[in-house]
C-alpha atoms as a PDB file:
ATOM      1  CA  UNK A   1      -9.349  13.082 125.446  1.00  0.00           C
ATOM      2  CA  UNK A   2      -7.273   9.909 125.132  1.00  0.00           C
ATOM      3  CA  UNK A   3      -3.748   8.575 125.463  1.00  0.00           C
ATOM      4  CA  UNK A   4      -2.269   6.164 122.911  1.00  0.00           C
ATOM      5  CA  UNK A   5       0.318   3.486 123.582  1.00  0.00           C
ATOM      6  CA  UNK A   6       2.099   1.131 121.247  1.00  0.00           C
ATOM      7  CA  UNK A   7       1.471  -2.373 122.536  1.00  0.00           C
ATOM      8  CA  UNK A   8       1.683  -6.040 121.585  1.00  0.00           C
ATOM      9  CA  UNK A   9      -1.363  -8.285 121.569  1.00  0.00           C
ATOM     10  CA  UNK A  10      -0.305 -11.391 123.544  1.00  0.00           C
ATOM     11  CA  UNK A  11      -2.934 -13.533 121.815  1.00  0.00           C
ATOM     12  CA  UNK A  12      -1.829 -12.789 118.237  1.00  0.00           C
ATOM     13  CA  UNK A  13       1.622 -11.263 118.663  1.00  0.00           C
ATOM     14  CA  UNK A  14       0.709  -8.313 116.456  1.00  0.00           C
ATOM     15  CA  UNK A  15       1.561  -4.729 117.293  1.00  0.00           C
ATOM     16  CA  UNK A  16      -1.452  -2.535 118.095  1.00  0.00           C
ATOM     17  CA  UNK A  17      -2.317   0.907 119.368  1.00  0.00           C
ATOM     18  CA  UNK A  18      -3.854   0.780 122.825  1.00  0.00           C
ATOM     19  CA  UNK A  19      -6.073   3.797 123.485  1.00  0.00           C
ATOM     20  CA  UNK A  20      -7.246   4.672 127.007  1.00  0.00           C
ATOM     21  CA  UNK A  21      -9.090   7.720 128.391  1.00  0.00           C
ATOM     22  CA  UNK A  22      -6.799  10.473 129.611  1.00  0.00           C
ATOM     23  CA  UNK A  23      -6.856  11.238 133.350  1.00  0.00           C
ATOM     24  CA  UNK A  24      -8.808  14.432 132.597  1.00  0.00           C
ATOM     25  CA  UNK A  25     -11.565  12.585 130.722  1.00  0.00           C
ATOM     26  CA  UNK A  26     -11.864   9.425 132.820  1.00  0.00           C
ATOM     27  CA  UNK A  27     -14.389  11.091 135.151  1.00  0.00           C
ATOM     28  CA  UNK A  28     -16.357  12.881 132.428  1.00  0.00           C
ATOM     29  CA  UNK A  29     -19.500  11.012 131.318  1.00  0.00           C
ATOM     30  CA  UNK A  30     -19.597  13.017 128.061  1.00  0.00           C
ATOM     31  CA  UNK A  31     -15.991  12.239 127.128  1.00  0.00           C
ATOM     32  CA  UNK A  32     -16.357   8.597 128.077  1.00  0.00           C
ATOM     33  CA  UNK A  33     -19.453   8.443 125.876  1.00  0.00           C
ATOM     34  CA  UNK A  34     -17.344   9.699 122.956  1.00  0.00           C
ATOM     35  CA  UNK A  35     -14.722   7.082 123.755  1.00  0.00           C
ATOM     36  CA  UNK A  36     -17.262   4.273 123.596  1.00  0.00           C
ATOM     37  CA  UNK A  37     -18.926   5.820 120.541  1.00  0.00           C
ATOM     38  CA  UNK A  38     -15.672   5.598 118.616  1.00  0.00           C
ATOM     39  CA  UNK A  39     -15.277   1.928 119.557  1.00  0.00           C
ATOM     40  CA  UNK A  40     -18.855   1.115 118.585  1.00  0.00           C
ATOM     41  CA  UNK A  41     -18.744   3.064 115.323  1.00  0.00           C
ATOM     42  CA  UNK A  42     -15.362   2.022 113.955  1.00  0.00           C
ATOM     43  CA  UNK A  43     -15.522  -1.441 115.513  1.00  0.00           C
ATOM     44  CA  UNK A  44     -18.589  -2.313 113.445  1.00  0.00           C
ATOM     45  CA  UNK A  45     -16.908  -1.243 110.192  1.00  0.00           C
ATOM     46  CA  UNK A  46     -14.483  -3.516 108.376  1.00  0.00           C
ATOM     47  CA  UNK A  47     -13.108  -1.761 105.314  1.00  0.00           C
ATOM     48  CA  UNK A  48      -9.577  -1.238 103.976  1.00  0.00           C
ATOM     49  CA  UNK A  49     -10.042   2.537 104.141  1.00  0.00           C
ATOM     50  CA  UNK A  50     -11.179   2.628 107.776  1.00  0.00           C
ATOM     51  CA  UNK A  51      -8.868   2.068 110.738  1.00  0.00           C
ATOM     52  CA  UNK A  52      -9.503  -1.393 112.194  1.00  0.00           C
ATOM     53  CA  UNK A  53     -10.695  -1.793 115.782  1.00  0.00           C
ATOM     54  CA  UNK A  54      -9.595  -5.138 117.207  1.00  0.00           C
ATOM     55  CA  UNK A  55     -10.951  -5.079 120.740  1.00  0.00           C
ATOM     56  CA  UNK A  56     -12.794  -3.066 123.373  1.00  0.00           C
ATOM     57  CA  UNK A  57     -12.478  -4.001 127.004  1.00  0.00           C
ATOM     58  CA  UNK A  58     -11.913  -2.916 130.580  1.00  0.00           C
ATOM     59  CA  UNK A  59      -8.746  -3.582 132.558  1.00  0.00           C
ATOM     60  CA  UNK A  60      -8.605  -2.780 136.268  1.00  0.00           C
ATOM     61  CA  UNK A  61     -11.536  -0.430 135.853  1.00  0.00           C
ATOM     62  CA  UNK A  62     -10.116   1.440 132.864  1.00  0.00           C
ATOM     63  CA  UNK A  63     -11.697   0.998 129.416  1.00  0.00           C
ATOM     64  CA  UNK A  64      -9.410   0.506 126.445  1.00  0.00           C
ATOM     65  CA  UNK A  65      -9.575   0.203 122.669  1.00  0.00           C
ATOM     66  CA  UNK A  66      -7.048  -1.905 120.767  1.00  0.00           C
ATOM     67  CA  UNK A  67      -6.776  -0.751 117.155  1.00  0.00           C
ATOM     68  CA  UNK A  68      -4.669  -1.150 114.063  1.00  0.00           C
ATOM     69  CA  UNK A  69      -1.165   0.290 114.300  1.00  0.00           C
ATOM     70  CA  UNK A  70      -0.645   2.620 111.338  1.00  0.00           C
ATOM     71  CA  UNK A  71       2.693   3.792 109.987  1.00  0.00           C
ATOM     72  CA  UNK A  72       2.623   6.994 107.987  1.00  0.00           C
ATOM     73  CA  UNK A  73       1.110  10.431 108.557  1.00  0.00           C
ATOM     74  CA  UNK A  74      -2.124  12.355 108.282  1.00  0.00           C
ATOM     75  CA  UNK A  75      -3.314  14.105 105.147  1.00  0.00           C
ATOM     76  CA  UNK A  76      -3.105  17.327 107.154  1.00  0.00           C
ATOM     77  CA  UNK A  77       0.653  16.861 107.568  1.00  0.00           C
ATOM     78  CA  UNK A  78       1.043  16.019 103.874  1.00  0.00           C
ATOM     79  CA  UNK A  79      -0.744  19.263 102.932  1.00  0.00           C
ATOM     80  CA  UNK A  80       1.571  21.217 105.254  1.00  0.00           C
ATOM     81  CA  UNK A  81       4.636  19.529 103.741  1.00  0.00           C
ATOM     82  CA  UNK A  82       3.538  20.119 100.137  1.00  0.00           C
ATOM     83  CA  UNK A  83       2.630  23.732 100.872  1.00  0.00           C
ATOM     84  CA  UNK A  84       6.009  24.385 102.493  1.00  0.00           C
ATOM     85  CA  UNK A  85       7.733  22.876  99.455  1.00  0.00           C
ATOM     86  CA  UNK A  86       5.666  25.035  97.097  1.00  0.00           C
ATOM     87  CA  UNK A  87       4.556  21.938  95.209  1.00  0.00           C
ATOM     88  CA  UNK A  88       1.511  22.600  93.034  1.00  0.00           C
ATOM     89  CA  UNK A  89       2.017  20.142  90.203  1.00  0.00           C
ATOM     90  CA  UNK A  90      -0.819  18.144  88.662  1.00  0.00           C
ATOM     91  CA  UNK A  91       0.926  14.969  89.810  1.00  0.00           C
ATOM     92  CA  UNK A  92       0.996  16.128  93.440  1.00  0.00           C
ATOM     93  CA  UNK A  93      -2.660  17.216  93.237  1.00  0.00           C
ATOM     94  CA  UNK A  94      -3.654  13.879  91.691  1.00  0.00           C
ATOM     95  CA  UNK A  95      -1.882  11.954  94.439  1.00  0.00           C
ATOM     96  CA  UNK A  96      -3.673  13.824  97.208  1.00  0.00           C
ATOM     97  CA  UNK A  97      -6.980  13.600  95.356  1.00  0.00           C
ATOM     98  CA  UNK A  98      -6.503   9.841  95.233  1.00  0.00           C
ATOM     99  CA  UNK A  99      -6.120   9.788  99.026  1.00  0.00           C
ATOM    100  CA  UNK A 100      -9.415  11.673  99.381  1.00  0.00           C
ATOM    101  CA  UNK A 101     -11.173   9.283  96.974  1.00  0.00           C
ATOM    102  CA  UNK A 102      -9.926   6.353  99.043  1.00  0.00           C
ATOM    103  CA  UNK A 103     -11.310   7.996 102.185  1.00  0.00           C
ATOM    104  CA  UNK A 104     -14.606   8.512 100.337  1.00  0.00           C
ATOM    105  CA  UNK A 105     -14.815   4.765  99.704  1.00  0.00           C
ATOM    106  CA  UNK A 106     -14.468   4.045 103.405  1.00  0.00           C
ATOM    107  CA  UNK A 107     -16.947   6.791 104.243  1.00  0.00           C
ATOM    108  CA  UNK A 108     -19.472   5.470 101.705  1.00  0.00           C
ATOM    109  CA  UNK A 109     -19.188   2.052 103.352  1.00  0.00           C
ATOM    110  CA  UNK A 110     -19.873   3.644 106.760  1.00  0.00           C
ATOM    111  CA  UNK A 111     -22.877   5.529 105.391  1.00  0.00           C
ATOM    112  CA  UNK A 112     -24.335   2.297 104.008  1.00  0.00           C
ATOM    113  CA  UNK A 113     -24.311   0.992 107.564  1.00  0.00           C
ATOM    114  CA  UNK A 114     -25.884   4.082 109.070  1.00  0.00           C
ATOM    115  CA  UNK A 115     -22.716   5.617 110.543  1.00  0.00           C
ATOM    116  CA  UNK A 116     -22.161   9.355 109.939  1.00  0.00           C
ATOM    117  CA  UNK A 117     -18.612  10.412 110.821  1.00  0.00           C
ATOM    118  CA  UNK A 118     -19.282  14.146 111.515  1.00  0.00           C
ATOM    119  CA  UNK A 119     -15.584  15.037 111.835  1.00  0.00           C
ATOM    120  CA  UNK A 120     -14.084  14.332 108.408  1.00  0.00           C
ATOM    121  CA  UNK A 121     -11.038  16.524 107.734  1.00  0.00           C
ATOM    122  CA  UNK A 122      -7.419  16.119 106.645  1.00  0.00           C
ATOM    123  CA  UNK A 123      -6.456  15.449 110.270  1.00  0.00           C
ATOM    124  CA  UNK A 124      -8.738  12.398 110.461  1.00  0.00           C
ATOM    125  CA  UNK A 125      -7.552  10.893 107.168  1.00  0.00           C
ATOM    126  CA  UNK A 126      -4.381   8.874 107.774  1.00  0.00           C
ATOM    127  CA  UNK A 127      -2.145   7.921 104.852  1.00  0.00           C
ATOM    128  CA  UNK A 128      -0.013   4.860 105.467  1.00  0.00           C
ATOM    129  CA  UNK A 129       3.548   4.456 104.251  1.00  0.00           C
ATOM    130  CA  UNK A 130       2.097   2.241 101.475  1.00  0.00           C
ATOM    131  CA  UNK A 131      -0.202   5.018 100.229  1.00  0.00           C
ATOM    132  CA  UNK A 132      -3.436   3.651 101.710  1.00  0.00           C
ATOM    133  CA  UNK A 133      -5.799   6.278 103.128  1.00  0.00           C
ATOM    134  CA  UNK A 134      -7.760   5.332 106.231  1.00  0.00           C
ATOM    135  CA  UNK A 135     -10.489   7.194 108.077  1.00  0.00           C
ATOM    136  CA  UNK A 136      -9.805   7.560 111.795  1.00  0.00           C
ATOM    137  CA  UNK A 137     -11.368   9.244 114.836  1.00  0.00           C
ATOM    138  CA  UNK A 138     -15.018   8.201 114.995  1.00  0.00           C
ATOM    139  CA  UNK A 139     -15.469   9.861 118.405  1.00  0.00           C
ATOM    140  CA  UNK A 140     -18.095  12.270 117.006  1.00  0.00           C
ATOM    141  CA  UNK A 141     -19.870   9.680 114.870  1.00  0.00           C
ATOM    142  CA  UNK A 142     -23.630   9.344 114.773  1.00  0.00           C
ATOM    143  CA  UNK A 143     -24.545   5.694 115.091  1.00  0.00           C
ATOM    144  CA  UNK A 144     -27.448   3.946 113.314  1.00  0.00           C
ATOM    145  CA  UNK A 145     -29.586   3.924 116.474  1.00  0.00           C
ATOM    146  CA  UNK A 146     -29.023   7.599 117.322  1.00  0.00           C
ATOM    147  CA  UNK A 147     -30.925  10.465 115.702  1.00  0.00           C
ATOM    148  CA  UNK A 148     -30.386  13.297 118.173  1.00  0.00           C
ATOM    149  CA  UNK A 149     -29.682  16.883 117.214  1.00  0.00           C
ATOM    150  CA  UNK A 150     -26.644  18.686 118.577  1.00  0.00           C
ATOM    151  CA  UNK A 151     -28.830  20.867 120.857  1.00  0.00           C
ATOM    152  CA  UNK A 152     -26.587  23.931 120.655  1.00  0.00           C
ATOM    153  CA  UNK A 153     -23.324  21.988 121.017  1.00  0.00           C
ATOM    154  CA  UNK A 154     -21.035  22.156 118.002  1.00  0.00           C
ATOM    155  CA  UNK A 155     -20.151  18.658 116.844  1.00  0.00           C
ATOM    156  CA  UNK A 156     -16.935  18.270 114.876  1.00  0.00           C
ATOM    157  CA  UNK A 157     -14.304  20.794 113.771  1.00  0.00           C
ATOM    158  CA  UNK A 158     -15.772  24.151 112.769  1.00  0.00           C
ATOM    159  CA  UNK A 159     -13.583  24.601 109.658  1.00  0.00           C
ATOM    160  CA  UNK A 160     -15.296  21.603 108.031  1.00  0.00           C
ATOM    161  CA  UNK A 161     -18.793  21.875 109.519  1.00  0.00           C
ATOM    162  CA  UNK A 162     -21.753  21.940 107.182  1.00  0.00           C
ATOM    163  CA  UNK A 163     -24.417  24.643 107.589  1.00  0.00           C
ATOM    164  CA  UNK A 164     -26.875  22.100 109.007  1.00  0.00           C
ATOM    165  CA  UNK A 165     -24.368  21.030 111.667  1.00  0.00           C
ATOM    166  CA  UNK A 166     -23.850  24.641 112.703  1.00  0.00           C
ATOM    167  CA  UNK A 167     -27.635  25.159 112.900  1.00  0.00           C
ATOM    168  CA  UNK A 168     -28.043  22.051 115.045  1.00  0.00           C
ATOM    169  CA  UNK A 169     -30.298  20.354 112.501  1.00  0.00           C
ATOM    170  CA  UNK A 170     -30.570  16.612 112.149  1.00  0.00           C
ATOM    171  CA  UNK A 171     -27.751  15.474 109.878  1.00  0.00           C
ATOM    172  CA  UNK A 172     -27.246  12.731 107.344  1.00  0.00           C
ATOM    173  CA  UNK A 173     -24.398  11.677 105.077  1.00  0.00           C
ATOM    174  CA  UNK A 174     -24.488  14.973 103.220  1.00  0.00           C
ATOM    175  CA  UNK A 175     -22.789  16.643 106.217  1.00  0.00           C
ATOM    176  CA  UNK A 176     -19.814  14.347 105.623  1.00  0.00           C
ATOM    177  CA  UNK A 177     -19.961  15.128 101.897  1.00  0.00           C
ATOM    178  CA  UNK A 178     -19.649  18.839 102.736  1.00  0.00           C
ATOM    179  CA  UNK A 179     -16.571  18.051 104.856  1.00  0.00           C
ATOM    180  CA  UNK A 180     -15.119  16.071 101.952  1.00  0.00           C
ATOM    181  CA  UNK A 181     -15.735  19.121  99.734  1.00  0.00           C
ATOM    182  CA  UNK A 182     -13.771  21.279 102.197  1.00  0.00           C
ATOM    183  CA  UNK A 183     -11.002  18.676 102.250  1.00  0.00           C
ATOM    184  CA  UNK A 184     -10.862  18.525  98.447  1.00  0.00           C
ATOM    185  CA  UNK A 185     -10.579  22.311  98.285  1.00  0.00           C
ATOM    186  CA  UNK A 186      -7.764  22.262 100.846  1.00  0.00           C
ATOM    187  CA  UNK A 187      -5.669  19.531  99.223  1.00  0.00           C
ATOM    188  CA  UNK A 188      -5.834  21.411  95.913  1.00  0.00           C
ATOM    189  CA  UNK A 189      -5.258  24.990  97.096  1.00  0.00           C
ATOM    190  CA  UNK A 190      -3.544  24.509 100.505  1.00  0.00           C
ATOM    191  CA  UNK A 191      -6.144  26.842 101.965  1.00  0.00           C
ATOM    192  CA  UNK A 192      -9.547  26.271 103.532  1.00  0.00           C
ATOM    193  CA  UNK A 193     -12.641  27.350 101.629  1.00  0.00           C
ATOM    194  CA  UNK A 194     -14.114  29.261 104.566  1.00  0.00           C
ATOM    195  CA  UNK A 195     -12.119  31.339 107.028  1.00  0.00           C
ATOM    196  CA  UNK A 196     -12.622  33.798 109.851  1.00  0.00           C
ATOM    197  CA  UNK A 197     -10.629  35.411 112.638  1.00  0.00           C
ATOM    198  CA  UNK A 198     -13.213  34.391 115.250  1.00  0.00           C
ATOM    199  CA  UNK A 199     -15.519  31.412 115.664  1.00  0.00           C
ATOM    200  CA  UNK A 200     -18.532  33.621 114.924  1.00  0.00           C
ATOM    201  CA  UNK A 201     -16.980  34.997 111.737  1.00  0.00           C
ATOM    202  CA  UNK A 202     -15.994  31.533 110.618  1.00  0.00           C
ATOM    203  CA  UNK A 203     -19.524  30.234 111.067  1.00  0.00           C
ATOM    204  CA  UNK A 204     -20.899  33.309 109.279  1.00  0.00           C
ATOM    205  CA  UNK A 205     -18.628  32.561 106.309  1.00  0.00           C
ATOM    206  CA  UNK A 206     -19.850  28.972 106.154  1.00  0.00           C
ATOM    207  CA  UNK A 207     -23.477  30.018 106.341  1.00  0.00           C
ATOM    208  CA  UNK A 208     -23.463  32.964 103.931  1.00  0.00           C
ATOM    209  CA  UNK A 209     -20.295  33.258 101.835  1.00  0.00           C
ATOM    210  CA  UNK A 210     -19.012  31.360  98.817  1.00  0.00           C
ATOM    211  CA  UNK A 211     -15.367  30.276  98.617  1.00  0.00           C
ATOM    212  CA  UNK A 212     -13.145  31.577  95.834  1.00  0.00           C
ATOM    213  CA  UNK A 213     -13.644  29.451  92.705  1.00  0.00           C
ATOM    214  CA  UNK A 214     -11.163  26.608  92.649  1.00  0.00           C
ATOM    215  CA  UNK A 215      -9.678  27.519  89.280  1.00  0.00           C
ATOM    216  CA  UNK A 216      -9.203  31.118  90.295  1.00  0.00           C
ATOM    217  CA  UNK A 217      -6.509  29.760  92.617  1.00  0.00           C
ATOM    218  CA  UNK A 218      -5.480  26.801  90.443  1.00  0.00           C
ATOM    219  CA  UNK A 219      -6.229  27.548  86.753  1.00  0.00           C
ATOM    220  CA  UNK A 220      -4.380  24.366  85.773  1.00  0.00           C
ATOM    221  CA  UNK A 221      -7.066  22.147  87.309  1.00  0.00           C
ATOM    222  CA  UNK A 222      -9.812  20.533  85.191  1.00  0.00           C
ATOM    223  CA  UNK A 223     -13.190  22.270  85.076  1.00  0.00           C
ATOM    224  CA  UNK A 224     -14.934  19.026  86.095  1.00  0.00           C
ATOM    225  CA  UNK A 225     -12.987  19.063  89.352  1.00  0.00           C
ATOM    226  CA  UNK A 226     -14.113  22.594  90.136  1.00  0.00           C
ATOM    227  CA  UNK A 227     -17.713  21.566  89.467  1.00  0.00           C
ATOM    228  CA  UNK A 228     -17.466  18.517  91.750  1.00  0.00           C
ATOM    229  CA  UNK A 229     -16.096  20.606  94.625  1.00  0.00           C
ATOM    230  CA  UNK A 230     -18.702  23.320  94.036  1.00  0.00           C
ATOM    231  CA  UNK A 231     -21.509  20.754  94.179  1.00  0.00           C
ATOM    232  CA  UNK A 232     -20.127  19.138  97.351  1.00  0.00           C
ATOM    233  CA  UNK A 233     -20.116  22.580  99.010  1.00  0.00           C
ATOM    234  CA  UNK A 234     -23.686  23.587  98.225  1.00  0.00           C
ATOM    235  CA  UNK A 235     -25.126  25.247 101.328  1.00  0.00           C
ATOM    236  CA  UNK A 236     -28.551  23.791 100.581  1.00  0.00           C
ATOM    237  CA  UNK A 237     -27.940  20.101 101.184  1.00  0.00           C
ATOM    238  CA  UNK A 238     -30.688  19.156  98.740  1.00  0.00           C
ATOM    239  CA  UNK A 239     -28.394  20.522  95.999  1.00  0.00           C
ATOM    240  CA  UNK A 240     -25.328  18.597  97.189  1.00  0.00           C
ATOM    241  CA  UNK A 241     -24.321  15.118  96.144  1.00  0.00           C
ATOM    242  CA  UNK A 242     -26.722  12.861  98.000  1.00  0.00           C
ATOM    243  CA  UNK A 243     -24.412   9.845  97.923  1.00  0.00           C
ATOM    244  CA  UNK A 244     -20.653   9.562  98.028  1.00  0.00           C
ATOM    245  CA  UNK A 245     -20.680   7.001  95.232  1.00  0.00           C
ATOM    246  CA  UNK A 246     -21.760   9.781  92.845  1.00  0.00           C
ATOM    247  CA  UNK A 247     -18.907  12.030  93.952  1.00  0.00           C
ATOM    248  CA  UNK A 248     -16.434   9.150  93.611  1.00  0.00           C
ATOM    249  CA  UNK A 249     -17.722   8.426  90.089  1.00  0.00           C
ATOM    250  CA  UNK A 250     -17.110  12.073  89.128  1.00  0.00           C
ATOM    251  CA  UNK A 251     -13.644  12.219  90.697  1.00  0.00           C
ATOM    252  CA  UNK A 252     -12.077   8.937  89.590  1.00  0.00           C
ATOM    253  CA  UNK A 253     -11.761   9.681  85.837  1.00  0.00           C
ATOM    254  CA  UNK A 254     -10.451  13.178  86.565  1.00  0.00           C
ATOM    255  CA  UNK A 255      -7.799  11.804  88.923  1.00  0.00           C
ATOM    256  CA  UNK A 256      -6.772   9.179  86.347  1.00  0.00           C
ATOM    257  CA  UNK A 257      -6.433  11.880  83.672  1.00  0.00           C
ATOM    258  CA  UNK A 258      -4.390  14.105  85.958  1.00  0.00           C
ATOM    259  CA  UNK A 259      -2.095  11.236  86.873  1.00  0.00           C
ATOM    260  CA  UNK A 260      -1.556  10.503  83.198  1.00  0.00           C
ATOM    261  CA  UNK A 261      -0.864  14.149  82.380  1.00  0.00           C
ATOM    262  CA  UNK A 262       1.552  14.437  85.300  1.00  0.00           C
ATOM    263  CA  UNK A 263       3.503  11.336  84.300  1.00  0.00           C
ATOM    264  CA  UNK A 264       4.084  12.647  80.764  1.00  0.00           C
ATOM    265  CA  UNK A 265       5.002  16.205  81.694  1.00  0.00           C
END
């Protein structure tokens, strides 16, 4: 949908990422709407765990977004690297859990301001070279002044979609909490909680099947962690965490304990 360039801001001298619509999307009203949605959503949010948007403008008829230049990699790439290395230590799990908790803090801040991300996944969580996790890609975000349903169009990435997103229901922050639950499951097991060989089968799994219990795959993990993930992945959203702050409060002491156990092993 977009093309990114490394650029220098002549006013401040700082390096930035300059994002412009790709040639294929420049003439698409829907894709341009997503482009502007990302600028409006992320641009209104100033938090250390959300990528910073510096400017939105138009140059010679082409819109652009100038955003923070990040050095590092996505959580998705870290999962792939750890999986390839066969690393399943408590220390490694605690480190990746900490990244997810950081992303939760940024997401909670967005929710407080009425922004629902709707595409949270390891690929949209960027981890900088200094170990700071930042939420990116707000192109699918629901803004505070928008309350439309998806009207049969899938919004987000199906692997991490909540049941209400698949059904086209009106969503709130609990859809993002479901996606965080999927992400937690993936960083701990290196597999996704719901899978299918076709889009239909994948959606069926999300709607009607339960993932394997976390500790069936990782018996070394604390029981409280399994319970937190299970609650985040409740199909009935009324049974899920209703606020990210509650999930963060459950995760933080577990992560601290795991880090301590890993450092002494």
